[in-house]
Amino acid sequence: MKEKKVQIHFRVTEKERWAFQRNAQSCGMSLSAYLRTLASSHEPKALPPIQYGELVKVLSDSYNLFYYRKNEEAARRILYLVQRLTETISPKKAGDNNGNNEDMAGS
């Protein structure tokens, strides 16, 4: 992990700060990691809503039902749907191996 020794300071309004903080939280990132990601010309992807998890659970239960009842075609289609939903909705990873998931400002 690269050690981060240099700080950059800039001023924002209180409204902007809360907007940055809210966006960072929706992406599952610290404020520092979120701002570093924006600065590197990448827009972080928001985490999926809680309903996504509920949907995947229902689809997983349906998959198990069809699979154990030997309807492998229906089970395969449900599994494909879950995989596509995951690829479309879920972010790859919050932060990275360089410590970009840490909030350097302590907020």
C-alpha atoms as a PDB file:
ATOM      1  CA  MET A   1       0.000   0.000   0.000  1.00  0.00           C
ATOM      2  CA  LYS A   2       1.324   3.430  -0.921  1.00  0.00           C
ATOM      3  CA  GLU A   3       1.644   5.758   2.036  1.00  0.00           C
ATOM      4  CA  LYS A   4      -0.292   8.978   1.577  1.00  0.00           C
ATOM      5  CA  LYS A   5       1.757  11.883   2.935  1.00  0.00           C
ATOM      6  CA  VAL A   6       0.469  14.888   0.973  1.00  0.00           C
ATOM      7  CA  GLN A   7      -2.747  16.685   1.837  1.00  0.00           C
ATOM      8  CA  ILE A   8      -4.786  18.874  -0.499  1.00  0.00           C
ATOM      9  CA  HIS A   9      -7.128  21.424   1.013  1.00  0.00           C
ATOM     10  CA  PHE A  10      -9.977  23.196  -0.737  1.00  0.00           C
ATOM     11  CA  ARG A  11     -13.064  24.980   0.453  1.00  0.00           C
ATOM     12  CA  VAL A  12     -16.648  24.043  -0.272  1.00  0.00           C
ATOM     13  CA  THR A  13     -19.993  25.213   1.050  1.00  0.00           C
ATOM     14  CA  GLU A  14     -21.691  23.248   3.797  1.00  0.00           C
ATOM     15  CA  LYS A  15     -24.286  22.128   1.229  1.00  0.00           C
ATOM     16  CA  GLU A  16     -21.540  20.833  -1.101  1.00  0.00           C
ATOM     17  CA  ARG A  17     -19.809  19.019   1.752  1.00  0.00           C
ATOM     18  CA  TRP A  18     -22.991  17.184   2.689  1.00  0.00           C
ATOM     19  CA  ALA A  19     -23.618  16.331  -0.966  1.00  0.00           C
ATOM     20  CA  PHE A  20     -20.102  14.858  -1.259  1.00  0.00           C
ATOM     21  CA  GLN A  21     -20.564  12.956   2.017  1.00  0.00           C
ATOM     22  CA  ARG A  22     -23.980  11.598   0.969  1.00  0.00           C
ATOM     23  CA  ASN A  23     -22.640  10.497  -2.427  1.00  0.00           C
ATOM     24  CA  ALA A  24     -19.632   8.838  -0.794  1.00  0.00           C
ATOM     25  CA  GLN A  25     -21.864   6.907   1.601  1.00  0.00           C
ATOM     26  CA  SER A  26     -24.165   5.790  -1.217  1.00  0.00           C
ATOM     27  CA  CYS A  27     -21.082   4.343  -2.936  1.00  0.00           C
ATOM     28  CA  GLY A  28     -19.884   2.639   0.249  1.00  0.00           C
ATOM     29  CA  MET A  29     -16.783   4.827   0.305  1.00  0.00           C
ATOM     30  CA  SER A  30     -15.182   7.263   2.694  1.00  0.00           C
ATOM     31  CA  LEU A  31     -15.250  10.926   1.763  1.00  0.00           C
ATOM     32  CA  SER A  32     -11.500  10.875   1.034  1.00  0.00           C
ATOM     33  CA  ALA A  33     -11.734   7.806  -1.187  1.00  0.00           C
ATOM     34  CA  TYR A  34     -14.742   9.257  -3.002  1.00  0.00           C
ATOM     35  CA  LEU A  35     -12.957  12.558  -3.720  1.00  0.00           C
ATOM     36  CA  ARG A  36      -9.780  10.753  -4.861  1.00  0.00           C
ATOM     37  CA  THR A  37     -11.901   8.666  -7.213  1.00  0.00           C
ATOM     38  CA  LEU A  38     -13.592  11.761  -8.647  1.00  0.00           C
ATOM     39  CA  ALA A  39     -10.220  13.471  -9.047  1.00  0.00           C
ATOM     40  CA  SER A  40      -8.921  10.521 -11.058  1.00  0.00           C
ATOM     41  CA  SER A  41     -11.750  11.027 -13.603  1.00  0.00           C
ATOM     42  CA  HIS A  42     -13.753   8.025 -12.429  1.00  0.00           C
ATOM     43  CA  GLU A  43     -17.290   8.390 -11.188  1.00  0.00           C
ATOM     44  CA  PRO A  44     -18.007   5.952  -8.344  1.00  0.00           C
ATOM     45  CA  LYS A  45     -21.095   3.805  -8.701  1.00  0.00           C
ATOM     46  CA  ALA A  46     -23.728   3.919  -5.965  1.00  0.00           C
ATOM     47  CA  LEU A  47     -24.433   0.761  -3.999  1.00  0.00           C
ATOM     48  CA  PRO A  48     -27.627  -1.083  -4.935  1.00  0.00           C
ATOM     49  CA  PRO A  49     -30.768  -0.327  -2.919  1.00  0.00           C
ATOM     50  CA  ILE A  50     -31.753  -2.713  -0.112  1.00  0.00           C
ATOM     51  CA  GLN A  51     -34.552  -4.081  -2.326  1.00  0.00           C
ATOM     52  CA  TYR A  52     -31.862  -5.547  -4.576  1.00  0.00           C
ATOM     53  CA  GLY A  53     -30.776  -7.892  -1.789  1.00  0.00           C
ATOM     54  CA  GLU A  54     -34.364  -8.930  -1.174  1.00  0.00           C
ATOM     55  CA  LEU A  55     -34.865  -9.600  -4.891  1.00  0.00           C
ATOM     56  CA  VAL A  56     -31.717 -11.733  -5.073  1.00  0.00           C
ATOM     57  CA  LYS A  57     -32.891 -13.731  -2.033  1.00  0.00           C
ATOM     58  CA  VAL A  58     -36.265 -14.456  -3.666  1.00  0.00           C
ATOM     59  CA  LEU A  59     -34.549 -15.434  -6.922  1.00  0.00           C
ATOM     60  CA  SER A  60     -32.095 -17.661  -5.043  1.00  0.00           C
ATOM     61  CA  ASP A  61     -34.965 -19.414  -3.285  1.00  0.00           C
ATOM     62  CA  SER A  62     -36.674 -19.880  -6.662  1.00  0.00           C
ATOM     63  CA  TYR A  63     -33.446 -21.244  -8.138  1.00  0.00           C
ATOM     64  CA  ASN A  64     -33.151 -23.805  -5.330  1.00  0.00           C
ATOM     65  CA  LEU A  65     -36.793 -24.832  -5.736  1.00  0.00           C
ATOM     66  CA  PHE A  66     -36.453 -25.430  -9.483  1.00  0.00           C
ATOM     67  CA  TYR A  67     -33.040 -27.069  -9.156  1.00  0.00           C
ATOM     68  CA  TYR A  68     -34.158 -29.611  -6.554  1.00  0.00           C
ATOM     69  CA  ARG A  69     -37.343 -30.345  -8.494  1.00  0.00           C
ATOM     70  CA  LYS A  70     -35.129 -31.218 -11.469  1.00  0.00           C
ATOM     71  CA  ASN A  71     -36.273 -28.309 -13.645  1.00  0.00           C
ATOM     72  CA  GLU A  72     -32.705 -27.458 -14.557  1.00  0.00           C
ATOM     73  CA  GLU A  73     -33.623 -25.166 -17.462  1.00  0.00           C
ATOM     74  CA  ALA A  74     -35.675 -22.853 -15.230  1.00  0.00           C
ATOM     75  CA  ALA A  75     -32.945 -22.968 -12.554  1.00  0.00           C
ATOM     76  CA  ARG A  76     -30.307 -22.064 -15.132  1.00  0.00           C
ATOM     77  CA  ARG A  77     -32.365 -19.099 -16.361  1.00  0.00           C
ATOM     78  CA  ILE A  78     -32.840 -17.786 -12.824  1.00  0.00           C
ATOM     79  CA  LEU A  79     -29.117 -18.125 -12.115  1.00  0.00           C
ATOM     80  CA  TYR A  80     -28.355 -16.215 -15.324  1.00  0.00           C
ATOM     81  CA  LEU A  81     -30.778 -13.461 -14.258  1.00  0.00           C
ATOM     82  CA  VAL A  82     -29.115 -13.130 -10.837  1.00  0.00           C
ATOM     83  CA  GLN A  83     -25.686 -12.915 -12.464  1.00  0.00           C
ATOM     84  CA  ARG A  84     -26.826 -10.210 -14.908  1.00  0.00           C
ATOM     85  CA  LEU A  85     -28.500  -8.208 -12.130  1.00  0.00           C
ATOM     86  CA  THR A  86     -25.321  -8.405 -10.074  1.00  0.00           C
ATOM     87  CA  GLU A  87     -23.152  -7.269 -12.989  1.00  0.00           C
ATOM     88  CA  THR A  88     -25.501  -4.384 -13.735  1.00  0.00           C
ATOM     89  CA  ILE A  89     -26.296  -3.117 -10.250  1.00  0.00           C
ATOM     90  CA  SER A  90     -23.426  -3.989  -7.941  1.00  0.00           C
ATOM     91  CA  PRO A  91     -20.194  -2.056  -7.834  1.00  0.00           C
ATOM     92  CA  LYS A  92     -17.015  -4.027  -8.331  1.00  0.00           C
ATOM     93  CA  LYS A  93     -15.491  -2.950  -5.032  1.00  0.00           C
ATOM     94  CA  ALA A  94     -15.602  -0.007  -2.645  1.00  0.00           C
ATOM     95  CA  GLY A  95     -12.099   1.404  -2.417  1.00  0.00           C
ATOM     96  CA  ASP A  96      -9.062  -0.518  -3.515  1.00  0.00           C
ATOM     97  CA  ASN A  97      -5.924  -2.233  -2.282  1.00  0.00           C
ATOM     98  CA  ASN A  98      -4.161   1.130  -1.979  1.00  0.00           C
ATOM     99  CA  GLY A  99      -6.183   2.147   1.058  1.00  0.00           C
ATOM    100  CA  ASN A 100      -8.636   4.245  -0.909  1.00  0.00           C
ATOM    101  CA  ASN A 101     -11.438   3.058   1.334  1.00  0.00           C
ATOM    102  CA  GLU A 102     -10.041   4.977   4.308  1.00  0.00           C
ATOM    103  CA  ASP A 103     -11.228   8.421   5.285  1.00  0.00           C
ATOM    104  CA  MET A 104      -8.034  10.416   5.694  1.00  0.00           C
ATOM    105  CA  ALA A 105      -9.870  13.396   7.195  1.00  0.00           C
ATOM    106  CA  GLY A 106     -11.360  11.259   9.966  1.00  0.00           C
ATOM    107  CA  SER A 107     -14.935  12.236   9.083  1.00  0.00           C
END
